Amino acid sequence: MYNAPVDLCDLEIYALSKEISHAGWEIYGRLDWRIKKVIGDQFISAMDSVGANIAEGFGRFHFADKNRFNYNARGSLSESLHWLDLLFERNLIEKSDYYALSPKMKRLMVKINNYITVTKEQNSKKWQ
């Protein structure tokens, strides 16, 4: 049986989203100001939105409310991957940054999907 975390910081997807966001900030900090303006601002905004949406969903009571924010987190993560791919394809970031961050982001995508499923299942068990 799944035991829901009592504290946001105990939620694995939240901790991973913060780790990814910190790595994104390191990449962002090394970008030229023009690149920051064109692509970097969107990249970091999407990165930070992942954890913010997870946090907001965690604070909601109803499973549908929780998952609405989890879906937003998943969408922001997809957007973040898009910007990371473009930064890499345009040779604007180091290969090592890309190869370190991309797999973590893809792993988080799977974990968010699993969390959404578990949240739905918890609701159905509650009413049985």
C-alpha atoms as a PDB file:
ATOM      1  CA  MET A   1       0.000   0.000   0.000  1.00  0.00           C
ATOM      2  CA  TYR A   2       1.219   3.494  -0.857  1.00  0.00           C
ATOM      3  CA  ASN A   3       1.742   5.825   2.083  1.00  0.00           C
ATOM      4  CA  ALA A   4       1.368   9.421   1.007  1.00  0.00           C
ATOM      5  CA  PRO A   5       4.138  11.718   2.224  1.00  0.00           C
ATOM      6  CA  VAL A   6       3.155  14.036   5.044  1.00  0.00           C
ATOM      7  CA  ASP A   7       5.581  16.802   4.090  1.00  0.00           C
ATOM      8  CA  LEU A   8       6.279  18.218   0.647  1.00  0.00           C
ATOM      9  CA  CYS A   9      10.027  17.722   1.122  1.00  0.00           C
ATOM     10  CA  ASP A  10       9.386  13.972   1.554  1.00  0.00           C
ATOM     11  CA  LEU A  11       7.918  13.777  -1.933  1.00  0.00           C
ATOM     12  CA  GLU A  12      10.534  12.274  -4.264  1.00  0.00           C
ATOM     13  CA  ILE A  13       9.298  14.069  -7.381  1.00  0.00           C
ATOM     14  CA  TYR A  14       9.519  17.405  -5.594  1.00  0.00           C
ATOM     15  CA  ALA A  15      13.096  16.767  -4.444  1.00  0.00           C
ATOM     16  CA  LEU A  16      14.074  15.672  -7.946  1.00  0.00           C
ATOM     17  CA  SER A  17      12.387  18.702  -9.515  1.00  0.00           C
ATOM     18  CA  LYS A  18      14.405  20.989  -7.229  1.00  0.00           C
ATOM     19  CA  GLU A  19      17.630  19.166  -8.127  1.00  0.00           C
ATOM     20  CA  ILE A  20      16.868  19.583 -11.822  1.00  0.00           C
ATOM     21  CA  SER A  21      15.949  23.237 -11.327  1.00  0.00           C
ATOM     22  CA  HIS A  22      19.267  23.902  -9.575  1.00  0.00           C
ATOM     23  CA  ALA A  23      21.131  22.282 -12.476  1.00  0.00           C
ATOM     24  CA  GLY A  24      19.106  24.409 -14.882  1.00  0.00           C
ATOM     25  CA  TRP A  25      20.104  27.561 -13.009  1.00  0.00           C
ATOM     26  CA  GLU A  26      23.764  26.601 -13.308  1.00  0.00           C
ATOM     27  CA  ILE A  27      23.359  26.223 -17.066  1.00  0.00           C
ATOM     28  CA  TYR A  28      21.363  29.461 -17.286  1.00  0.00           C
ATOM     29  CA  GLY A  29      24.021  31.353 -15.348  1.00  0.00           C
ATOM     30  CA  ARG A  30      26.656  30.491 -17.959  1.00  0.00           C
ATOM     31  CA  LEU A  31      24.599  31.665 -20.919  1.00  0.00           C
ATOM     32  CA  ASP A  32      25.377  34.895 -22.757  1.00  0.00           C
ATOM     33  CA  TRP A  33      22.823  37.629 -21.994  1.00  0.00           C
ATOM     34  CA  ARG A  34      21.434  37.497 -25.550  1.00  0.00           C
ATOM     35  CA  ILE A  35      20.879  33.758 -25.329  1.00  0.00           C
ATOM     36  CA  LYS A  36      19.256  34.228 -21.912  1.00  0.00           C
ATOM     37  CA  LYS A  37      16.836  36.717 -23.436  1.00  0.00           C
ATOM     38  CA  VAL A  38      15.927  34.589 -26.461  1.00  0.00           C
ATOM     39  CA  ILE A  39      15.790  31.063 -25.039  1.00  0.00           C
ATOM     40  CA  GLY A  40      17.252  30.963 -21.535  1.00  0.00           C
ATOM     41  CA  ASP A  41      14.449  32.836 -19.783  1.00  0.00           C
ATOM     42  CA  GLN A  42      11.869  30.431 -21.181  1.00  0.00           C
ATOM     43  CA  PHE A  43      14.054  27.458 -20.260  1.00  0.00           C
ATOM     44  CA  ILE A  44      14.487  28.465 -16.634  1.00  0.00           C
ATOM     45  CA  SER A  45      10.885  29.564 -16.246  1.00  0.00           C
ATOM     46  CA  ALA A  46       9.684  26.147 -17.402  1.00  0.00           C
ATOM     47  CA  MET A  47      12.241  24.397 -15.173  1.00  0.00           C
ATOM     48  CA  ASP A  48      11.126  26.283 -12.068  1.00  0.00           C
ATOM     49  CA  SER A  49       7.462  25.739 -12.931  1.00  0.00           C
ATOM     50  CA  VAL A  50       7.815  21.960 -12.556  1.00  0.00           C
ATOM     51  CA  GLY A  51       8.507  22.085  -8.827  1.00  0.00           C
ATOM     52  CA  ALA A  52       6.102  24.972  -8.252  1.00  0.00           C
ATOM     53  CA  ASN A  53       3.231  22.973  -9.749  1.00  0.00           C
ATOM     54  CA  ILE A  54       4.145  19.853  -7.782  1.00  0.00           C
ATOM     55  CA  ALA A  55       4.165  21.943  -4.604  1.00  0.00           C
ATOM     56  CA  GLU A  56       0.820  23.536  -5.364  1.00  0.00           C
ATOM     57  CA  GLY A  57      -0.776  20.195  -6.180  1.00  0.00           C
ATOM     58  CA  PHE A  58       0.597  18.694  -2.995  1.00  0.00           C
ATOM     59  CA  GLY A  59      -1.253  21.307  -1.004  1.00  0.00           C
ATOM     60  CA  ARG A  60      -4.616  20.525  -2.599  1.00  0.00           C
ATOM     61  CA  PHE A  61      -7.176  18.234  -0.972  1.00  0.00           C
ATOM     62  CA  HIS A  62      -9.037  16.573  -3.832  1.00  0.00           C
ATOM     63  CA  PHE A  63      -7.219  14.166  -6.137  1.00  0.00           C
ATOM     64  CA  ALA A  64      -8.499  15.910  -9.282  1.00  0.00           C
ATOM     65  CA  ASP A  65      -7.162  19.226  -7.998  1.00  0.00           C
ATOM     66  CA  LYS A  66      -3.832  17.597  -7.117  1.00  0.00           C
ATOM     67  CA  ASN A  67      -3.520  16.010 -10.531  1.00  0.00           C
ATOM     68  CA  ARG A  68      -4.465  19.181 -12.386  1.00  0.00           C
ATOM     69  CA  PHE A  69      -1.230  20.667 -11.018  1.00  0.00           C
ATOM     70  CA  ASN A  70       0.654  17.415 -11.610  1.00  0.00           C
ATOM     71  CA  TYR A  71      -0.407  17.600 -15.260  1.00  0.00           C
ATOM     72  CA  ASN A  72       0.863  21.183 -15.361  1.00  0.00           C
ATOM     73  CA  ALA A  73       4.166  20.013 -13.843  1.00  0.00           C
ATOM     74  CA  ARG A  74       4.430  17.330 -16.506  1.00  0.00           C
ATOM     75  CA  GLY A  75       3.728  19.892 -19.222  1.00  0.00           C
ATOM     76  CA  SER A  76       6.368  22.259 -17.835  1.00  0.00           C
ATOM     77  CA  LEU A  77       8.834  19.389 -17.745  1.00  0.00           C
ATOM     78  CA  SER A  78       8.090  18.624 -21.409  1.00  0.00           C
ATOM     79  CA  GLU A  79       8.666  22.274 -22.230  1.00  0.00           C
ATOM     80  CA  SER A  80      11.922  22.237 -20.262  1.00  0.00           C
ATOM     81  CA  LEU A  81      13.115  19.238 -22.250  1.00  0.00           C
ATOM     82  CA  HIS A  82      12.264  21.077 -25.446  1.00  0.00           C
ATOM     83  CA  TRP A  83      14.381  24.092 -24.454  1.00  0.00           C
ATOM     84  CA  LEU A  84      17.228  21.879 -23.235  1.00  0.00           C
ATOM     85  CA  ASP A  85      17.226  20.035 -26.563  1.00  0.00           C
ATOM     86  CA  LEU A  86      17.319  23.317 -28.494  1.00  0.00           C
ATOM     87  CA  LEU A  87      20.152  24.663 -26.345  1.00  0.00           C
ATOM     88  CA  PHE A  88      22.082  21.471 -27.059  1.00  0.00           C
ATOM     89  CA  GLU A  89      21.264  21.291 -30.770  1.00  0.00           C
ATOM     90  CA  ARG A  90      22.380  24.906 -31.216  1.00  0.00           C
ATOM     91  CA  ASN A  91      25.652  24.249 -29.362  1.00  0.00           C
ATOM     92  CA  LEU A  92      24.751  26.758 -26.656  1.00  0.00           C
ATOM     93  CA  ILE A  93      25.491  24.433 -23.740  1.00  0.00           C
ATOM     94  CA  GLU A  94      28.159  21.884 -22.974  1.00  0.00           C
ATOM     95  CA  LYS A  95      27.560  18.275 -23.984  1.00  0.00           C
ATOM     96  CA  SER A  96      28.296  17.219 -20.432  1.00  0.00           C
ATOM     97  CA  ASP A  97      25.487  19.456 -19.120  1.00  0.00           C
ATOM     98  CA  TYR A  98      23.031  18.017 -21.592  1.00  0.00           C
ATOM     99  CA  TYR A  99      23.997  14.398 -20.946  1.00  0.00           C
ATOM    100  CA  ALA A 100      23.865  14.912 -17.184  1.00  0.00           C
ATOM    101  CA  LEU A 101      20.508  16.707 -17.099  1.00  0.00           C
ATOM    102  CA  SER A 102      18.420  15.128 -19.867  1.00  0.00           C
ATOM    103  CA  PRO A 103      18.241  11.612 -18.339  1.00  0.00           C
ATOM    104  CA  LYS A 104      17.265  13.050 -14.943  1.00  0.00           C
ATOM    105  CA  MET A 105      14.469  15.016 -16.566  1.00  0.00           C
ATOM    106  CA  LYS A 106      13.216  11.936 -18.428  1.00  0.00           C
ATOM    107  CA  ARG A 107      13.334   9.918 -15.199  1.00  0.00           C
ATOM    108  CA  LEU A 108      11.301  12.637 -13.481  1.00  0.00           C
ATOM    109  CA  MET A 109       8.719  12.435 -16.290  1.00  0.00           C
ATOM    110  CA  VAL A 110       8.177   8.750 -15.529  1.00  0.00           C
ATOM    111  CA  LYS A 111       7.948   9.467 -11.810  1.00  0.00           C
ATOM    112  CA  ILE A 112       5.384  12.239 -12.314  1.00  0.00           C
ATOM    113  CA  ASN A 113       3.299   9.890 -14.466  1.00  0.00           C
ATOM    114  CA  ASN A 114       3.483   7.249 -11.733  1.00  0.00           C
ATOM    115  CA  TYR A 115       2.537   9.802  -9.086  1.00  0.00           C
ATOM    116  CA  ILE A 116      -0.512  10.850 -11.117  1.00  0.00           C
ATOM    117  CA  THR A 117      -1.585   7.197 -11.374  1.00  0.00           C
ATOM    118  CA  VAL A 118      -1.100   6.568  -7.652  1.00  0.00           C
ATOM    119  CA  THR A 119      -3.023   9.724  -6.783  1.00  0.00           C
ATOM    120  CA  LYS A 120      -5.957   8.505  -8.881  1.00  0.00           C
ATOM    121  CA  GLU A 121      -5.772   5.025  -7.327  1.00  0.00           C
ATOM    122  CA  GLN A 122      -5.716   6.438  -3.798  1.00  0.00           C
ATOM    123  CA  ASN A 123      -8.940   8.265  -4.546  1.00  0.00           C
ATOM    124  CA  SER A 124     -10.704   5.170  -5.873  1.00  0.00           C
ATOM    125  CA  LYS A 125      -9.615   3.119  -2.822  1.00  0.00           C
ATOM    126  CA  LYS A 126     -10.904   5.822  -0.522  1.00  0.00           C
ATOM    127  CA  TRP A 127     -14.430   5.315  -1.865  1.00  0.00           C
ATOM    128  CA  GLN A 128     -14.482   1.478  -1.824  1.00  0.00           C
END
